Amino acid sequence: MELLKKLCEAHGVPGREEAVRTLVVSELKKICDEIRTDALGNVIALKKGSGRGPKVMLAAHMDEIGFLVSHIDEKSGFLRIDPVGGFDPRVLMAQRVIVHTEKGDLIGIIGSKPPHILTEEERKKPLELKDLFIDLGLPAEEVKKRVNIGDFITLQQDFAEVGNLVSCKALDDRVGVYVMIEAVRRTKKHVCDIYAVATTQEEVGVRGARVSSFNVAPDIGVALDVTVASDVPGVGEHEQVTKLGAGVAIKIKDSLSISNPKLVRTMRQIAEQKKIKYQLEILPRGGTDAGAIQMTREGVAAITLSIPTRYLHSVVEAAHKDDIQAAIDLLATFLEVAHESDYSL
């Protein structure tokens, strides 16, 4: 889990994934034949197959949700923020953040108007992002010297093992990147050419996957991402989407894609033959890089393998170790047999 820890604790919002990219390149260059980056910062690594098999593109996104500095208060030095990706304001109160500047990182605190002085009307209103600010604990003049508009901000949180779970910020989608790297590392005998793509800017519209999939022009696309596991008190079983510990999730549908039914069938057959725990997933809202890959050029047979995760888009996202391993096992096995089936409809 050391690599997963490094990936999760690295920092990179959409468009500023360079620290994560450095880690990914260092791992993929050990196990792939070719590696390059493109204009959007996607990492595209090729592990050549042994024959004339299909081109299989794996996609897992490097970016995490966060903020950009949008305003510096002239008198107080407090920062206002603009979101890149979707945090629920309720999970942001009293969190520590890191403001990444050209002159070094600064620790800050997310604050808001104290509850003691709120009016009755203000107490009734839901918390909004505009109500929040960042306190760097520095005089305004010092802040203005060190911070620029557009500097990016991430939440501060350490990686932890909690029982059978791992928890950190940015499991969405560093755990998908981890699964991709480990599955490619494990795959030895494969006819297909494997393109392992660590994508950028997924959280703001699957942008990296759009351009990288156009470049690769794959025959098959497999996105690796997290999905909702709301198997917690107060949520009905029919609303849970997936459950932790029940295995890798084979996606049927989300807001951006409908998985190729032959790929779904193949993944299920592999899981059952190899006794890999799996569950089927229909996500009512949200999408993955598969949505971009699916619509590339003339169209691509695409699917998502998901890692069930609790507390999504918070700093304590949590996934089960067994589900992560199941995702690696299923993907690695698929890559060895991907050439054996026709996925055209």
Protein backbone atom coordinates (compact mmCIF):
# COMPACT_ATOMS: atom_id res chain seq x y z
CA MET A 1 0.00 0.00 0.00
CA GLU A 2 3.04 2.29 0.05
CA LEU A 3 2.50 3.39 -3.56
CA LEU A 4 -1.18 4.10 -2.89
CA LYS A 5 -0.17 6.20 0.13
CA LYS A 6 2.27 8.24 -1.97
CA LEU A 7 -0.32 8.77 -4.70
CA CYS A 8 -3.05 9.88 -2.29
CA GLU A 9 -0.81 12.23 -0.32
CA ALA A 10 0.49 13.90 -3.50
CA HIS A 11 -1.32 17.09 -4.50
CA GLY A 12 -2.80 18.06 -7.85
CA VAL A 13 -6.06 19.74 -8.81
CA PRO A 14 -7.32 19.73 -12.42
CA GLY A 15 -4.69 21.31 -14.64
CA ARG A 16 -1.98 21.13 -11.94
CA GLU A 17 -1.29 17.40 -11.71
CA GLU A 18 2.49 17.66 -12.05
CA ALA A 19 3.43 16.15 -8.66
CA VAL A 20 1.19 13.15 -9.26
CA ARG A 21 2.43 12.84 -12.84
CA THR A 22 6.03 12.57 -11.61
CA LEU A 23 5.09 9.62 -9.40
CA VAL A 24 3.10 7.90 -12.15
CA VAL A 25 5.84 8.28 -14.75
CA SER A 26 8.43 6.86 -12.34
CA GLU A 27 6.29 3.72 -11.85
CA LEU A 28 5.07 3.17 -15.41
CA LYS A 29 8.48 3.56 -17.02
CA LYS A 30 9.63 0.48 -15.04
CA ILE A 31 6.97 -1.75 -16.58
CA CYS A 32 6.11 -0.27 -19.99
CA ASP A 33 7.97 -0.11 -23.31
CA GLU A 34 7.17 3.50 -24.21
CA ILE A 35 5.96 6.52 -22.26
CA ARG A 36 5.04 10.07 -23.22
CA THR A 37 2.94 13.01 -22.12
CA ASP A 38 0.68 15.23 -24.20
CA ALA A 39 -0.35 18.89 -24.24
CA LEU A 40 -2.88 18.41 -21.41
CA GLY A 41 -0.40 16.54 -19.24
CA ASN A 42 -1.84 13.05 -19.70
CA VAL A 43 0.65 10.22 -19.19
CA ILE A 44 0.39 7.67 -22.01
CA ALA A 45 2.39 4.47 -21.47
CA LEU A 46 2.47 1.53 -23.87
CA LYS A 47 3.13 -2.07 -22.90
CA LYS A 48 3.43 -3.92 -26.18
CA GLY A 49 1.56 -7.13 -26.78
CA SER A 50 2.89 -10.33 -28.30
CA GLY A 51 0.68 -10.36 -31.38
CA ARG A 52 -1.94 -8.60 -33.44
CA GLY A 53 -4.39 -8.03 -30.67
CA PRO A 54 -6.66 -5.05 -30.01
CA LYS A 55 -5.47 -1.80 -28.49
CA VAL A 56 -6.75 -1.64 -24.93
CA MET A 57 -6.74 1.77 -23.26
CA LEU A 58 -6.86 1.93 -19.47
CA ALA A 59 -7.73 5.31 -17.99
CA ALA A 60 -7.49 6.54 -14.41
CA HIS A 61 -7.45 10.21 -13.53
CA MET A 62 -4.70 11.93 -11.57
CA ASP A 63 -6.53 15.10 -10.55
CA GLU A 64 -8.31 15.69 -7.26
CA ILE A 65 -10.97 18.22 -6.37
CA GLY A 66 -9.73 21.44 -4.81
CA PHE A 67 -9.68 25.20 -5.28
CA LEU A 68 -7.91 28.14 -6.86
CA VAL A 69 -7.23 31.43 -5.09
CA SER A 70 -9.72 33.91 -6.55
CA HIS A 71 -9.24 36.94 -4.26
CA ILE A 72 -6.86 38.25 -1.59
CA ASP A 73 -8.44 40.63 0.93
CA GLU A 74 -6.43 43.87 0.98
CA LYS A 75 -6.77 44.46 4.73
CA SER A 76 -6.95 41.00 6.30
CA GLY A 77 -5.08 38.79 3.84
CA PHE A 78 -7.90 36.24 3.93
CA LEU A 79 -8.26 34.26 0.68
CA ARG A 80 -11.43 33.64 -1.27
CA ILE A 81 -11.63 30.47 -3.34
CA ASP A 82 -12.97 29.20 -6.65
CA PRO A 83 -13.73 25.46 -6.89
CA VAL A 84 -12.16 23.04 -9.37
CA GLY A 85 -14.38 20.02 -8.84
CA GLY A 86 -17.28 19.56 -6.47
CA PHE A 87 -16.78 19.70 -2.71
CA ASP A 88 -19.85 19.74 -0.47
CA PRO A 89 -19.34 22.91 1.64
CA ARG A 90 -20.56 21.03 4.71
CA VAL A 91 -17.40 18.88 4.80
CA LEU A 92 -15.05 21.86 4.50
CA MET A 93 -15.62 23.69 7.76
CA ALA A 94 -12.56 23.85 10.04
CA GLN A 95 -10.36 21.84 7.65
CA ARG A 96 -6.69 22.55 7.03
CA VAL A 97 -5.57 23.24 3.49
CA ILE A 98 -2.32 23.68 1.60
CA VAL A 99 -1.95 26.72 -0.65
CA HIS A 100 0.60 25.80 -3.30
CA THR A 101 2.54 28.91 -4.32
CA GLU A 102 5.60 29.55 -6.48
CA LYS A 103 7.50 30.41 -3.29
CA GLY A 104 6.49 27.27 -1.41
CA ASP A 105 3.51 25.69 0.27
CA LEU A 106 1.52 27.49 2.97
CA ILE A 107 -0.76 25.83 5.51
CA GLY A 108 -4.15 27.49 5.90
CA ILE A 109 -7.42 27.02 7.77
CA ILE A 110 -10.87 27.13 6.19
CA GLY A 111 -13.02 29.48 8.23
CA SER A 112 -16.42 31.14 8.17
CA LYS A 113 -18.45 33.57 10.23
CA PRO A 114 -18.61 32.28 13.85
CA PRO A 115 -21.93 30.59 14.73
CA HIS A 116 -22.16 32.69 17.91
CA ILE A 117 -22.90 35.85 15.92
CA LEU A 118 -25.14 34.42 13.19
CA THR A 119 -28.63 35.84 12.93
CA GLU A 120 -31.60 33.46 13.11
CA GLU A 121 -32.05 33.90 9.37
CA GLU A 122 -28.41 33.05 8.70
CA ARG A 123 -28.62 29.93 10.87
CA LYS A 124 -31.43 28.57 8.68
CA LYS A 125 -29.51 28.98 5.43
CA PRO A 126 -27.37 26.08 4.14
CA LEU A 127 -23.63 26.74 4.11
CA GLU A 128 -22.35 27.92 0.72
CA LEU A 129 -18.86 28.14 -0.71
CA LYS A 130 -19.09 31.93 -0.79
CA ASP A 131 -19.38 31.89 3.02
CA LEU A 132 -15.92 30.35 3.40
CA PHE A 133 -12.45 31.87 3.39
CA ILE A 134 -8.89 30.72 4.07
CA ASP A 135 -6.85 32.08 6.95
CA LEU A 136 -3.07 31.79 6.47
CA GLY A 137 -2.27 33.37 9.83
CA LEU A 138 -0.08 35.97 8.14
CA PRO A 139 -0.31 39.76 7.75
CA ALA A 140 -1.99 40.92 4.56
CA GLU A 141 1.26 42.35 3.16
CA GLU A 142 3.02 39.02 3.63
CA VAL A 143 0.15 37.13 1.99
CA LYS A 144 0.18 39.44 -1.02
CA LYS A 145 3.91 38.90 -1.45
CA ARG A 146 3.65 35.11 -1.38
CA VAL A 147 0.26 34.25 -2.88
CA ASN A 148 -0.99 34.90 -6.41
CA ILE A 149 -4.47 34.70 -7.89
CA GLY A 150 -4.74 31.25 -9.44
CA ASP A 151 -2.50 29.43 -6.95
CA PHE A 152 -4.06 26.05 -6.31
CA ILE A 153 -5.31 24.74 -3.00
CA THR A 154 -5.75 21.18 -1.76
CA LEU A 155 -7.03 19.71 1.49
CA GLN A 156 -4.47 18.42 4.00
CA GLN A 157 -4.96 14.82 5.12
CA ASP A 158 -2.69 11.85 5.83
CA PHE A 159 -3.23 8.33 4.49
CA ALA A 160 -4.50 5.92 7.15
CA GLU A 161 -5.46 2.27 7.44
CA VAL A 162 -8.73 1.99 9.35
CA GLY A 163 -9.53 -1.63 10.10
CA ASN A 164 -9.91 -3.28 6.68
CA LEU A 165 -10.18 0.10 4.96
CA VAL A 166 -7.77 2.68 3.62
CA SER A 167 -8.74 6.33 4.02
CA CYS A 168 -7.36 9.59 2.71
CA LYS A 169 -8.10 12.57 0.52
CA ALA A 170 -7.98 11.92 -3.24
CA LEU A 171 -8.75 8.20 -3.23
CA ASP A 172 -10.86 9.58 -6.08
CA ASP A 173 -9.03 8.64 -8.18
CA ARG A 174 -5.56 7.82 -7.00
CA VAL A 175 -6.85 4.36 -6.08
CA GLY A 176 -7.82 3.92 -9.75
CA VAL A 177 -4.31 4.98 -10.78
CA TYR A 178 -2.93 2.46 -8.28
CA VAL A 179 -5.13 -0.35 -9.63
CA MET A 180 -4.05 0.46 -13.19
CA ILE A 181 -0.34 0.43 -12.36
CA GLU A 182 -0.51 -2.76 -10.31
CA ALA A 183 -2.60 -4.63 -12.92
CA VAL A 184 -0.24 -3.63 -15.73
CA ARG A 185 2.73 -4.64 -13.56
CA ARG A 186 1.19 -8.07 -13.00
CA THR A 187 0.19 -8.73 -16.61
CA LYS A 188 2.87 -10.84 -18.30
CA LYS A 189 1.36 -12.80 -21.21
CA HIS A 190 -0.88 -10.61 -23.34
CA VAL A 191 -1.54 -10.36 -27.04
CA CYS A 192 -3.14 -6.92 -26.89
CA ASP A 193 -1.23 -3.65 -26.77
CA ILE A 194 -1.93 -2.07 -23.37
CA TYR A 195 -2.08 1.72 -23.14
CA ALA A 196 -2.01 2.78 -19.51
CA VAL A 197 -3.21 6.38 -19.45
CA ALA A 198 -3.16 8.55 -16.34
CA THR A 199 -5.55 11.32 -17.31
CA THR A 200 -5.90 14.96 -16.30
CA GLN A 201 -8.86 17.24 -15.62
CA GLU A 202 -11.44 14.49 -15.17
CA GLU A 203 -13.15 16.34 -12.34
CA VAL A 204 -13.99 19.28 -14.60
CA GLY A 205 -15.33 17.36 -17.59
CA VAL A 206 -13.22 14.27 -18.51
CA ARG A 207 -11.00 16.58 -20.58
CA GLY A 208 -7.79 14.59 -20.44
CA ALA A 209 -9.54 11.39 -21.51
CA ARG A 210 -11.08 13.16 -24.51
CA VAL A 211 -7.75 14.12 -26.04
CA SER A 212 -5.74 11.06 -24.98
CA SER A 213 -8.31 8.60 -26.31
CA PHE A 214 -8.38 10.47 -29.64
CA ASN A 215 -4.60 10.07 -29.75
CA VAL A 216 -4.53 6.39 -28.79
CA ALA A 217 -7.60 5.44 -30.89
CA PRO A 218 -8.26 2.29 -28.82
CA ASP A 219 -10.42 -0.69 -29.73
CA ILE A 220 -11.36 -1.24 -26.08
CA GLY A 221 -11.49 1.28 -23.22
CA VAL A 222 -11.49 0.48 -19.51
CA ALA A 223 -11.82 3.33 -17.02
CA LEU A 224 -10.73 2.76 -13.42
CA ASP A 225 -12.48 4.97 -10.91
CA VAL A 226 -14.24 5.07 -7.57
CA THR A 227 -17.98 4.80 -7.13
CA VAL A 228 -20.52 5.52 -4.42
CA ALA A 229 -20.72 3.12 -1.49
CA SER A 230 -23.40 4.62 0.72
CA ASP A 231 -23.79 1.45 2.80
CA VAL A 232 -24.13 3.49 5.97
CA PRO A 233 -26.87 4.08 8.56
CA GLY A 234 -29.89 5.94 7.27
CA VAL A 235 -29.53 4.86 3.63
CA GLY A 236 -31.93 2.29 2.20
CA GLU A 237 -30.44 -0.80 0.57
CA HIS A 238 -31.82 0.19 -2.83
CA GLU A 239 -29.95 3.52 -2.60
CA GLN A 240 -26.53 2.17 -1.68
CA VAL A 241 -25.21 1.66 -5.27
CA THR A 242 -22.35 -0.55 -3.97
CA LYS A 243 -21.13 -1.98 -0.67
CA LEU A 244 -17.64 -2.07 0.77
CA GLY A 245 -16.13 -5.55 0.91
CA ALA A 246 -18.50 -6.97 -1.71
CA GLY A 247 -15.91 -6.82 -4.49
CA VAL A 248 -14.93 -4.77 -7.50
CA ALA A 249 -17.92 -3.05 -9.16
CA ILE A 250 -18.59 -3.75 -12.83
CA LYS A 251 -20.42 -0.70 -14.09
CA ILE A 252 -23.58 -1.05 -16.15
CA LYS A 253 -24.41 2.64 -16.48
CA ASP A 254 -23.73 6.12 -15.17
CA SER A 255 -24.51 9.66 -16.34
CA LEU A 256 -21.80 9.67 -19.02
CA SER A 257 -21.72 6.13 -20.39
CA ILE A 258 -23.55 2.86 -20.86
CA SER A 259 -21.03 0.05 -20.69
CA ASN A 260 -20.59 -2.25 -23.66
CA PRO A 261 -22.75 -5.27 -22.73
CA LYS A 262 -20.24 -7.78 -24.13
CA LEU A 263 -17.51 -6.28 -21.98
CA VAL A 264 -19.83 -6.49 -18.96
CA ARG A 265 -20.48 -10.15 -19.73
CA THR A 266 -16.78 -10.92 -20.18
CA MET A 267 -15.86 -9.22 -16.91
CA ARG A 268 -18.55 -11.17 -15.08
CA GLN A 269 -17.43 -14.46 -16.60
CA ILE A 270 -13.80 -13.83 -15.65
CA ALA A 271 -14.77 -12.90 -12.09
CA GLU A 272 -16.90 -16.03 -11.69
CA GLN A 273 -14.28 -18.34 -13.22
CA LYS A 274 -11.46 -16.91 -11.09
CA LYS A 275 -13.63 -16.55 -7.97
CA ILE A 276 -13.06 -12.80 -7.82
CA LYS A 277 -15.70 -11.03 -5.76
CA TYR A 278 -17.70 -8.53 -7.81
CA GLN A 279 -20.90 -6.51 -7.77
CA LEU A 280 -22.86 -4.80 -10.52
CA GLU A 281 -23.19 -1.03 -10.46
CA ILE A 282 -25.72 1.46 -11.78
CA LEU A 283 -24.76 4.99 -10.72
CA PRO A 284 -27.66 7.47 -10.96
CA ARG A 285 -25.45 10.56 -11.05
CA GLY A 286 -21.79 11.02 -11.96
CA GLY A 287 -19.51 9.68 -14.65
CA THR A 288 -15.98 8.52 -15.50
CA ASP A 289 -13.41 8.72 -18.28
CA ALA A 290 -15.28 5.89 -20.02
CA GLY A 291 -17.80 8.48 -21.20
CA ALA A 292 -15.09 10.28 -23.17
CA ILE A 293 -13.41 7.10 -24.45
CA GLN A 294 -16.72 5.65 -25.63
CA MET A 295 -17.35 8.58 -27.97
CA THR A 296 -13.85 8.77 -29.45
CA ARG A 297 -13.61 8.87 -33.25
CA GLU A 298 -16.05 6.23 -34.60
CA GLY A 299 -16.87 4.95 -31.12
CA VAL A 300 -15.14 2.55 -28.71
CA ALA A 301 -16.30 -0.46 -26.70
CA ALA A 302 -15.91 0.89 -23.18
CA ILE A 303 -16.57 -0.05 -19.57
CA THR A 304 -15.69 1.14 -16.07
CA LEU A 305 -14.35 -1.02 -13.26
CA SER A 306 -15.09 0.79 -10.00
CA ILE A 307 -13.68 0.67 -6.50
CA PRO A 308 -16.56 1.16 -4.02
CA THR A 309 -15.76 4.14 -1.78
CA ARG A 310 -17.50 5.73 1.19
CA TYR A 311 -17.55 9.47 1.94
CA LEU A 312 -16.74 10.53 -1.63
CA HIS A 313 -15.54 14.09 -2.22
CA SER A 314 -14.36 14.48 1.35
CA VAL A 315 -10.94 14.21 3.01
CA VAL A 316 -11.73 10.82 4.55
CA GLU A 317 -12.71 8.83 1.46
CA ALA A 318 -12.56 5.15 2.40
CA ALA A 319 -12.19 1.95 0.36
CA HIS A 320 -11.88 -1.72 1.34
CA LYS A 321 -8.51 -3.40 0.76
CA ASP A 322 -10.19 -6.54 -0.60
CA ASP A 323 -12.16 -4.55 -3.19
CA ILE A 324 -8.96 -2.86 -4.38
CA GLN A 325 -7.27 -6.23 -4.77
CA ALA A 326 -10.31 -7.64 -6.57
CA ALA A 327 -10.12 -4.77 -9.07
CA ILE A 328 -6.43 -5.50 -9.72
CA ASP A 329 -7.12 -9.24 -10.13
CA LEU A 330 -10.01 -8.74 -12.54
CA LEU A 331 -8.24 -6.16 -14.69
CA ALA A 332 -4.98 -8.13 -14.92
CA THR A 333 -6.83 -11.28 -15.93
CA PHE A 334 -8.90 -9.41 -18.52
CA LEU A 335 -5.79 -7.95 -20.13
CA GLU A 336 -4.46 -11.45 -20.73
CA VAL A 337 -7.60 -12.59 -22.54
CA ALA A 338 -8.92 -9.35 -24.08
CA HIS A 339 -7.97 -10.52 -27.57
CA GLU A 340 -10.18 -13.61 -27.37
CA SER A 341 -13.56 -11.87 -27.82
CA ASP A 342 -15.33 -9.59 -30.27
CA TYR A 343 -16.98 -6.62 -28.56
CA SER A 344 -18.72 -5.11 -31.58
CA LEU A 345 -22.49 -4.77 -31.25
